[in-house]
Amino acid sequence: MPKVTVNLNSLRKRLVQEYNALTSEINEGTGKCGYIELHTVNIERQMDDLRNTISTICCSYIEGSEAFADISDDLPEFVDFNPNDY
């Protein structure tokens, strides 16, 4: 079987970028008294991007590897970001 090399560098970088975008939005909405005022439409896309990247990383695996095993069946389900439900 041929050797396959998988490079997850771009996914790891994207994960940090998505986290930073969401964190910046939260920081901008944080008032002096510590409360956070956010417009959900501003963070919905960032939450979706973050969930998609985490899903991609969680569902990546190397067959036969204990260190990078297939854990897709053991993952909890993501809670959808849907502020209209509350």
PDB file of N, CA and C in Angstrom:
ATOM      1  N   MET A   1       0.840  -1.174   0.000  1.00  0.00           N
ATOM      2  CA  MET A   1       0.000   0.000   0.000  1.00  0.00           C
ATOM      3  C   MET A   1       0.888   1.241   0.000  1.00  0.00           C
ATOM      4  N   PRO A   2       0.578   2.217  -0.854  1.00  0.00           N
ATOM      5  CA  PRO A   2       1.411   3.425  -0.906  1.00  0.00           C
ATOM      6  C   PRO A   2       1.262   4.266   0.358  1.00  0.00           C
ATOM      7  N   LYS A   3       2.330   4.947   0.698  1.00  0.00           N
ATOM      8  CA  LYS A   3       2.324   5.815   1.872  1.00  0.00           C
ATOM      9  C   LYS A   3       1.620   7.129   1.519  1.00  0.00           C
ATOM     10  N   VAL A   4       0.716   7.555   2.382  1.00  0.00           N
ATOM     11  CA  VAL A   4      -0.027   8.790   2.175  1.00  0.00           C
ATOM     12  C   VAL A   4       0.349   9.770   3.283  1.00  0.00           C
ATOM     13  N   THR A   5       0.649  10.978   2.887  1.00  0.00           N
ATOM     14  CA  THR A   5       0.953  12.028   3.854  1.00  0.00           C
ATOM     15  C   THR A   5      -0.213  13.004   3.894  1.00  0.00           C
ATOM     16  N   VAL A   6      -0.689  13.253   5.092  1.00  0.00           N
ATOM     17  CA  VAL A   6      -1.806  14.183   5.274  1.00  0.00           C
ATOM     18  C   VAL A   6      -1.283  15.426   5.972  1.00  0.00           C
ATOM     19  N   ASN A   7      -1.585  16.573   5.417  1.00  0.00           N
ATOM     20  CA  ASN A   7      -1.143  17.833   5.996  1.00  0.00           C
ATOM     21  C   ASN A   7      -2.372  18.588   6.500  1.00  0.00           C
ATOM     22  N   LEU A   8      -2.450  18.743   7.801  1.00  0.00           N
ATOM     23  CA  LEU A   8      -3.581  19.441   8.416  1.00  0.00           C
ATOM     24  C   LEU A   8      -3.232  20.878   8.806  1.00  0.00           C
ATOM     25  N   ASN A   9      -2.109  21.375   8.313  1.00  0.00           N
ATOM     26  CA  ASN A   9      -1.670  22.716   8.706  1.00  0.00           C
ATOM     27  C   ASN A   9      -2.700  23.787   8.376  1.00  0.00           C
ATOM     28  N   SER A  10      -3.290  23.723   7.181  1.00  0.00           N
ATOM     29  CA  SER A  10      -4.255  24.759   6.815  1.00  0.00           C
ATOM     30  C   SER A  10      -5.500  24.689   7.694  1.00  0.00           C
ATOM     31  N   LEU A  11      -5.927  23.487   8.078  1.00  0.00           N
ATOM     32  CA  LEU A  11      -7.076  23.360   8.982  1.00  0.00           C
ATOM     33  C   LEU A  11      -6.758  23.925  10.359  1.00  0.00           C
ATOM     34  N   ARG A  12      -5.572  23.653  10.841  1.00  0.00           N
ATOM     35  CA  ARG A  12      -5.190  24.156  12.158  1.00  0.00           C
ATOM     36  C   ARG A  12      -5.112  25.674  12.150  1.00  0.00           C
ATOM     37  N   LYS A  13      -4.553  26.253  11.088  1.00  0.00           N
ATOM     38  CA  LYS A  13      -4.485  27.714  10.973  1.00  0.00           C
ATOM     39  C   LYS A  13      -5.881  28.312  10.876  1.00  0.00           C
ATOM     40  N   ARG A  14      -6.750  27.668  10.080  1.00  0.00           N
ATOM     41  CA  ARG A  14      -8.116  28.166   9.920  1.00  0.00           C
ATOM     42  C   ARG A  14      -8.871  28.125  11.243  1.00  0.00           C
ATOM     43  N   LEU A  15      -8.627  27.103  12.037  1.00  0.00           N
ATOM     44  CA  LEU A  15      -9.279  26.993  13.340  1.00  0.00           C
ATOM     45  C   LEU A  15      -8.914  28.183  14.227  1.00  0.00           C
ATOM     46  N   VAL A  16      -7.663  28.564  14.231  1.00  0.00           N
ATOM     47  CA  VAL A  16      -7.230  29.718  15.028  1.00  0.00           C
ATOM     48  C   VAL A  16      -7.843  31.009  14.474  1.00  0.00           C
ATOM     49  N   GLN A  17      -7.878  31.143  13.151  1.00  0.00           N
ATOM     50  CA  GLN A  17      -8.474  32.340  12.544  1.00  0.00           C
ATOM     51  C   GLN A  17      -9.953  32.463  12.897  1.00  0.00           C
ATOM     52  N   GLU A  18     -10.669  31.351  12.863  1.00  0.00           N
ATOM     53  CA  GLU A  18     -12.088  31.374  13.187  1.00  0.00           C
ATOM     54  C   GLU A  18     -12.325  31.677  14.662  1.00  0.00           C
ATOM     55  N   TYR A  19     -11.500  31.106  15.513  1.00  0.00           N
ATOM     56  CA  TYR A  19     -11.584  31.410  16.945  1.00  0.00           C
ATOM     57  C   TYR A  19     -11.317  32.898  17.179  1.00  0.00           C
ATOM     58  N   ASN A  20     -10.278  33.429  16.526  1.00  0.00           N
ATOM     59  CA  ASN A  20      -9.935  34.843  16.688  1.00  0.00           C
ATOM     60  C   ASN A  20     -11.059  35.763  16.221  1.00  0.00           C
ATOM     61  N   ALA A  21     -11.716  35.417  15.118  1.00  0.00           N
ATOM     62  CA  ALA A  21     -12.818  36.231  14.611  1.00  0.00           C
ATOM     63  C   ALA A  21     -13.966  36.263  15.616  1.00  0.00           C
ATOM     64  N   LEU A  22     -14.297  35.122  16.162  1.00  0.00           N
ATOM     65  CA  LEU A  22     -15.376  35.045  17.152  1.00  0.00           C
ATOM     66  C   LEU A  22     -14.990  35.775  18.435  1.00  0.00           C
ATOM     67  N   THR A  23     -13.771  35.594  18.887  1.00  0.00           N
ATOM     68  CA  THR A  23     -13.294  36.253  20.098  1.00  0.00           C
ATOM     69  C   THR A  23     -13.278  37.771  19.931  1.00  0.00           C
ATOM     70  N   SER A  24     -12.868  38.243  18.774  1.00  0.00           N
ATOM     71  CA  SER A  24     -12.867  39.687  18.514  1.00  0.00           C
ATOM     72  C   SER A  24     -14.271  40.260  18.589  1.00  0.00           C
ATOM     73  N   GLU A  25     -15.231  39.544  18.023  1.00  0.00           N
ATOM     74  CA  GLU A  25     -16.629  39.993  18.067  1.00  0.00           C
ATOM     75  C   GLU A  25     -17.139  40.040  19.507  1.00  0.00           C
ATOM     76  N   ILE A  26     -16.795  39.034  20.296  1.00  0.00           N
ATOM     77  CA  ILE A  26     -17.206  39.016  21.707  1.00  0.00           C
ATOM     78  C   ILE A  26     -16.522  40.139  22.473  1.00  0.00           C
ATOM     79  N   ASN A  27     -15.229  40.340  22.238  1.00  0.00           N
ATOM     80  CA  ASN A  27     -14.501  41.407  22.923  1.00  0.00           C
ATOM     81  C   ASN A  27     -15.094  42.779  22.610  1.00  0.00           C
ATOM     82  N   GLU A  28     -15.469  42.997  21.353  1.00  0.00           N
ATOM     83  CA  GLU A  28     -16.052  44.281  20.959  1.00  0.00           C
ATOM     84  C   GLU A  28     -17.407  44.514  21.620  1.00  0.00           C
ATOM     85  N   GLY A  29     -18.122  43.434  21.937  1.00  0.00           N
ATOM     86  CA  GLY A  29     -19.438  43.553  22.548  1.00  0.00           C
ATOM     87  C   GLY A  29     -19.425  43.570  24.061  1.00  0.00           C
ATOM     88  N   THR A  30     -18.244  43.452  24.649  1.00  0.00           N
ATOM     89  CA  THR A  30     -18.145  43.412  26.102  1.00  0.00           C
ATOM     90  C   THR A  30     -18.092  44.828  26.662  1.00  0.00           C
ATOM     91  N   GLY A  31     -19.045  45.138  27.519  1.00  0.00           N
ATOM     92  CA  GLY A  31     -19.103  46.460  28.139  1.00  0.00           C
ATOM     93  C   GLY A  31     -18.247  46.541  29.386  1.00  0.00           C
ATOM     94  N   LYS A  32     -18.154  47.733  29.932  1.00  0.00           N
ATOM     95  CA  LYS A  32     -17.338  47.970  31.127  1.00  0.00           C
ATOM     96  C   LYS A  32     -17.835  47.187  32.336  1.00  0.00           C
ATOM     97  N   CYS A  33     -19.138  46.907  32.382  1.00  0.00           N
ATOM     98  CA  CYS A  33     -19.683  46.189  33.534  1.00  0.00           C
ATOM     99  C   CYS A  33     -19.557  44.680  33.383  1.00  0.00           C
ATOM    100  N   GLY A  34     -18.984  44.216  32.266  1.00  0.00           N
ATOM    101  CA  GLY A  34     -18.739  42.796  32.087  1.00  0.00           C
ATOM    102  C   GLY A  34     -19.800  42.059  31.300  1.00  0.00           C
ATOM    103  N   TYR A  35     -20.902  42.720  30.980  1.00  0.00           N
ATOM    104  CA  TYR A  35     -21.936  42.084  30.179  1.00  0.00           C
ATOM    105  C   TYR A  35     -21.554  42.133  28.707  1.00  0.00           C
ATOM    106  N   ILE A  36     -21.993  41.125  27.968  1.00  0.00           N
ATOM    107  CA  ILE A  36     -21.694  41.058  26.542  1.00  0.00           C
ATOM    108  C   ILE A  36     -22.973  41.310  25.764  1.00  0.00           C
ATOM    109  N   GLU A  37     -22.924  42.299  24.893  1.00  0.00           N
ATOM    110  CA  GLU A  37     -24.051  42.596  24.022  1.00  0.00           C
ATOM    111  C   GLU A  37     -23.641  42.244  22.594  1.00  0.00           C
ATOM    112  N   LEU A  38     -24.319  41.249  22.050  1.00  0.00           N
ATOM    113  CA  LEU A  38     -23.987  40.775  20.710  1.00  0.00           C
ATOM    114  C   LEU A  38     -25.221  40.755  19.828  1.00  0.00           C
ATOM    115  N   HIS A  39     -25.020  41.045  18.582  1.00  0.00           N
ATOM    116  CA  HIS A  39     -26.061  40.838  17.590  1.00  0.00           C
ATOM    117  C   HIS A  39     -25.782  39.465  16.992  1.00  0.00           C
ATOM    118  N   THR A  40     -26.697  38.550  17.193  1.00  0.00           N
ATOM    119  CA  THR A  40     -26.453  37.167  16.795  1.00  0.00           C
ATOM    120  C   THR A  40     -26.133  37.015  15.318  1.00  0.00           C
ATOM    121  N   VAL A  41     -26.678  37.893  14.494  1.00  0.00           N
ATOM    122  CA  VAL A  41     -26.383  37.805  13.064  1.00  0.00           C
ATOM    123  C   VAL A  41     -24.885  38.027  12.810  1.00  0.00           C
ATOM    124  N   ASN A  42     -24.227  38.770  13.696  1.00  0.00           N
ATOM    125  CA  ASN A  42     -22.794  39.036  13.526  1.00  0.00           C
ATOM    126  C   ASN A  42     -21.919  37.838  13.848  1.00  0.00           C
ATOM    127  N   ILE A  43     -22.393  36.933  14.694  1.00  0.00           N
ATOM    128  CA  ILE A  43     -21.544  35.802  15.059  1.00  0.00           C
ATOM    129  C   ILE A  43     -22.021  34.470  14.483  1.00  0.00           C
ATOM    130  N   GLU A  44     -23.185  34.451  13.866  1.00  0.00           N
ATOM    131  CA  GLU A  44     -23.720  33.190  13.344  1.00  0.00           C
ATOM    132  C   GLU A  44     -22.772  32.555  12.328  1.00  0.00           C
ATOM    133  N   ARG A  45     -22.253  33.330  11.406  1.00  0.00           N
ATOM    134  CA  ARG A  45     -21.332  32.805  10.383  1.00  0.00           C
ATOM    135  C   ARG A  45     -20.057  32.273  11.026  1.00  0.00           C
ATOM    136  N   GLN A  46     -19.537  33.003  11.999  1.00  0.00           N
ATOM    137  CA  GLN A  46     -18.314  32.567  12.677  1.00  0.00           C
ATOM    138  C   GLN A  46     -18.533  31.270  13.435  1.00  0.00           C
ATOM    139  N   MET A  47     -19.694  31.128  14.064  1.00  0.00           N
ATOM    140  CA  MET A  47     -20.009  29.883  14.767  1.00  0.00           C
ATOM    141  C   MET A  47     -20.115  28.717  13.781  1.00  0.00           C
ATOM    142  N   ASP A  48     -20.748  28.946  12.640  1.00  0.00           N
ATOM    143  CA  ASP A  48     -20.862  27.905  11.616  1.00  0.00           C
ATOM    144  C   ASP A  48     -19.487  27.498  11.086  1.00  0.00           C
ATOM    145  N   ASP A  49     -18.639  28.486  10.802  1.00  0.00           N
ATOM    146  CA  ASP A  49     -17.292  28.192  10.306  1.00  0.00           C
ATOM    147  C   ASP A  49     -16.495  27.397  11.323  1.00  0.00           C
ATOM    148  N   LEU A  50     -16.582  27.789  12.567  1.00  0.00           N
ATOM    149  CA  LEU A  50     -15.859  27.099  13.634  1.00  0.00           C
ATOM    150  C   LEU A  50     -16.338  25.661  13.775  1.00  0.00           C
ATOM    151  N   ARG A  51     -17.651  25.464  13.771  1.00  0.00           N
ATOM    152  CA  ARG A  51     -18.217  24.110  13.861  1.00  0.00           C
ATOM    153  C   ARG A  51     -17.765  23.249  12.681  1.00  0.00           C
ATOM    154  N   ASN A  52     -17.764  23.793  11.479  1.00  0.00           N
ATOM    155  CA  ASN A  52     -17.355  23.031  10.298  1.00  0.00           C
ATOM    156  C   ASN A  52     -15.888  22.619  10.358  1.00  0.00           C
ATOM    157  N   THR A  53     -15.035  23.505  10.805  1.00  0.00           N
ATOM    158  CA  THR A  53     -13.613  23.169  10.894  1.00  0.00           C
ATOM    159  C   THR A  53     -13.364  22.133  11.983  1.00  0.00           C
ATOM    160  N   ILE A  54     -14.013  22.286  13.117  1.00  0.00           N
ATOM    161  CA  ILE A  54     -13.876  21.294  14.191  1.00  0.00           C
ATOM    162  C   ILE A  54     -14.371  19.935  13.703  1.00  0.00           C
ATOM    163  N   SER A  55     -15.486  19.918  12.990  1.00  0.00           N
ATOM    164  CA  SER A  55     -16.026  18.660  12.454  1.00  0.00           C
ATOM    165  C   SER A  55     -15.044  17.998  11.503  1.00  0.00           C
ATOM    166  N   THR A  56     -14.433  18.792  10.649  1.00  0.00           N
ATOM    167  CA  THR A  56     -13.463  18.249   9.689  1.00  0.00           C
ATOM    168  C   THR A  56     -12.284  17.618  10.407  1.00  0.00           C
ATOM    169  N   ILE A  57     -11.772  18.301  11.412  1.00  0.00           N
ATOM    170  CA  ILE A  57     -10.633  17.767  12.161  1.00  0.00           C
ATOM    171  C   ILE A  57     -11.049  16.513  12.937  1.00  0.00           C
ATOM    172  N   CYS A  58     -12.219  16.538  13.547  1.00  0.00           N
ATOM    173  CA  CYS A  58     -12.680  15.390  14.338  1.00  0.00           C
ATOM    174  C   CYS A  58     -12.950  14.156  13.487  1.00  0.00           C
ATOM    175  N   CYS A  59     -13.318  14.356  12.247  1.00  0.00           N
ATOM    176  CA  CYS A  59     -13.642  13.218  11.386  1.00  0.00           C
ATOM    177  C   CYS A  59     -12.470  12.791  10.513  1.00  0.00           C
ATOM    178  N   SER A  60     -11.315  13.393  10.707  1.00  0.00           N
ATOM    179  CA  SER A  60     -10.100  12.982   9.996  1.00  0.00           C
ATOM    180  C   SER A  60      -9.417  11.887  10.811  1.00  0.00           C
ATOM    181  N   TYR A  61      -8.914  10.883  10.131  1.00  0.00           N
ATOM    182  CA  TYR A  61      -8.241   9.788  10.833  1.00  0.00           C
ATOM    183  C   TYR A  61      -7.305   9.060   9.876  1.00  0.00           C
ATOM    184  N   ILE A  62      -6.443   8.260  10.460  1.00  0.00           N
ATOM    185  CA  ILE A  62      -5.555   7.379   9.703  1.00  0.00           C
ATOM    186  C   ILE A  62      -5.941   5.961  10.073  1.00  0.00           C
ATOM    187  N   GLU A  63      -6.380   5.224   9.100  1.00  0.00           N
ATOM    188  CA  GLU A  63      -6.843   3.860   9.347  1.00  0.00           C
ATOM    189  C   GLU A  63      -5.734   3.022   9.979  1.00  0.00           C
ATOM    190  N   GLY A  64      -6.068   2.368  11.087  1.00  0.00           N
ATOM    191  CA  GLY A  64      -5.117   1.513  11.790  1.00  0.00           C
ATOM    192  C   GLY A  64      -4.244   2.246  12.798  1.00  0.00           C
ATOM    193  N   SER A  65      -4.379   3.558  12.902  1.00  0.00           N
ATOM    194  CA  SER A  65      -3.566   4.334  13.826  1.00  0.00           C
ATOM    195  C   SER A  65      -4.309   4.555  15.132  1.00  0.00           C
ATOM    196  N   GLU A  66      -3.680   4.208  16.252  1.00  0.00           N
ATOM    197  CA  GLU A  66      -4.287   4.470  17.551  1.00  0.00           C
ATOM    198  C   GLU A  66      -4.202   5.951  17.912  1.00  0.00           C
ATOM    199  N   ALA A  67      -3.132   6.604  17.469  1.00  0.00           N
ATOM    200  CA  ALA A  67      -2.923   8.002  17.804  1.00  0.00           C
ATOM    201  C   ALA A  67      -3.837   8.930  17.014  1.00  0.00           C
ATOM    202  N   PHE A  68      -4.279   8.497  15.839  1.00  0.00           N
ATOM    203  CA  PHE A  68      -5.130   9.327  14.979  1.00  0.00           C
ATOM    204  C   PHE A  68      -6.282   8.465  14.472  1.00  0.00           C
ATOM    205  N   ALA A  69      -6.991   7.855  15.431  1.00  0.00           N
ATOM    206  CA  ALA A  69      -8.045   6.881  15.136  1.00  0.00           C
ATOM    207  C   ALA A  69      -9.335   7.558  14.681  1.00  0.00           C
ATOM    208  N   ASP A  70     -10.202   6.773  14.096  1.00  0.00           N
ATOM    209  CA  ASP A  70     -11.531   7.231  13.695  1.00  0.00           C
ATOM    210  C   ASP A  70     -12.396   7.326  14.948  1.00  0.00           C
ATOM    211  N   ILE A  71     -12.732   8.542  15.348  1.00  0.00           N
ATOM    212  CA  ILE A  71     -13.547   8.753  16.544  1.00  0.00           C
ATOM    213  C   ILE A  71     -14.934   9.291  16.188  1.00  0.00           C
ATOM    214  N   SER A  72     -15.264   9.286  14.915  1.00  0.00           N
ATOM    215  CA  SER A  72     -16.510   9.917  14.475  1.00  0.00           C
ATOM    216  C   SER A  72     -17.748   9.323  15.141  1.00  0.00           C
ATOM    217  N   ASP A  73     -17.738   8.044  15.461  1.00  0.00           N
ATOM    218  CA  ASP A  73     -18.901   7.429  16.119  1.00  0.00           C
ATOM    219  C   ASP A  73     -18.967   7.751  17.611  1.00  0.00           C
ATOM    220  N   ASP A  74     -17.860   8.243  18.188  1.00  0.00           N
ATOM    221  CA  ASP A  74     -17.805   8.519  19.622  1.00  0.00           C
ATOM    222  C   ASP A  74     -17.998   9.997  19.971  1.00  0.00           C
ATOM    223  N   LEU A  75     -18.190  10.825  18.968  1.00  0.00           N
ATOM    224  CA  LEU A  75     -18.304  12.259  19.208  1.00  0.00           C
ATOM    225  C   LEU A  75     -19.711  12.638  19.651  1.00  0.00           C
ATOM    226  N   PRO A  76     -19.804  13.574  20.583  1.00  0.00           N
ATOM    227  CA  PRO A  76     -21.133  14.096  20.905  1.00  0.00           C
ATOM    228  C   PRO A  76     -21.632  14.939  19.737  1.00  0.00           C
ATOM    229  N   GLU A  77     -22.937  15.093  19.644  1.00  0.00           N
ATOM    230  CA  GLU A  77     -23.479  15.930  18.580  1.00  0.00           C
ATOM    231  C   GLU A  77     -23.260  17.391  18.927  1.00  0.00           C
ATOM    232  N   PHE A  78     -23.047  18.192  17.890  1.00  0.00           N
ATOM    233  CA  PHE A  78     -22.903  19.627  18.083  1.00  0.00           C
ATOM    234  C   PHE A  78     -24.256  20.233  18.429  1.00  0.00           C
ATOM    235  N   VAL A  79     -24.233  21.190  19.321  1.00  0.00           N
ATOM    236  CA  VAL A  79     -25.420  21.988  19.589  1.00  0.00           C
ATOM    237  C   VAL A  79     -25.457  23.080  18.529  1.00  0.00           C
ATOM    238  N   ASP A  80     -26.574  23.188  17.828  1.00  0.00           N
ATOM    239  CA  ASP A  80     -26.696  24.199  16.794  1.00  0.00           C
ATOM    240  C   ASP A  80     -26.780  25.582  17.423  1.00  0.00           C
ATOM    241  N   PHE A  81     -26.106  26.514  16.808  1.00  0.00           N
ATOM    242  CA  PHE A  81     -26.225  27.915  17.214  1.00  0.00           C
ATOM    243  C   PHE A  81     -27.469  28.459  16.529  1.00  0.00           C
ATOM    244  N   ASN A  82     -28.527  28.589  17.303  1.00  0.00           N
ATOM    245  CA  ASN A  82     -29.783  29.084  16.768  1.00  0.00           C
ATOM    246  C   ASN A  82     -30.450  29.923  17.848  1.00  0.00           C
ATOM    247  N   PRO A  83     -30.055  31.200  17.929  1.00  0.00           N
ATOM    248  CA  PRO A  83     -30.577  32.035  19.010  1.00  0.00           C
ATOM    249  C   PRO A  83     -32.080  32.254  18.939  1.00  0.00           C
ATOM    250  N   ASN A  84     -32.686  31.998  17.799  1.00  0.00           N
ATOM    251  CA  ASN A  84     -34.138  32.176  17.675  1.00  0.00           C
ATOM    252  C   ASN A  84     -34.909  31.126  18.443  1.00  0.00           C
ATOM    253  N   ASP A  85     -34.236  30.050  18.856  1.00  0.00           N
ATOM    254  CA  ASP A  85     -34.887  28.996  19.628  1.00  0.00           C
ATOM    255  C   ASP A  85     -35.065  29.381  21.096  1.00  0.00           C
ATOM    256  N   TYR A  86     -34.446  30.464  21.524  1.00  0.00           N
ATOM    257  CA  TYR A  86     -34.482  30.828  22.950  1.00  0.00           C
ATOM    258  C   TYR A  86     -35.328  32.047  23.179  1.00  0.00           C
TER     259      TYR A  86
END
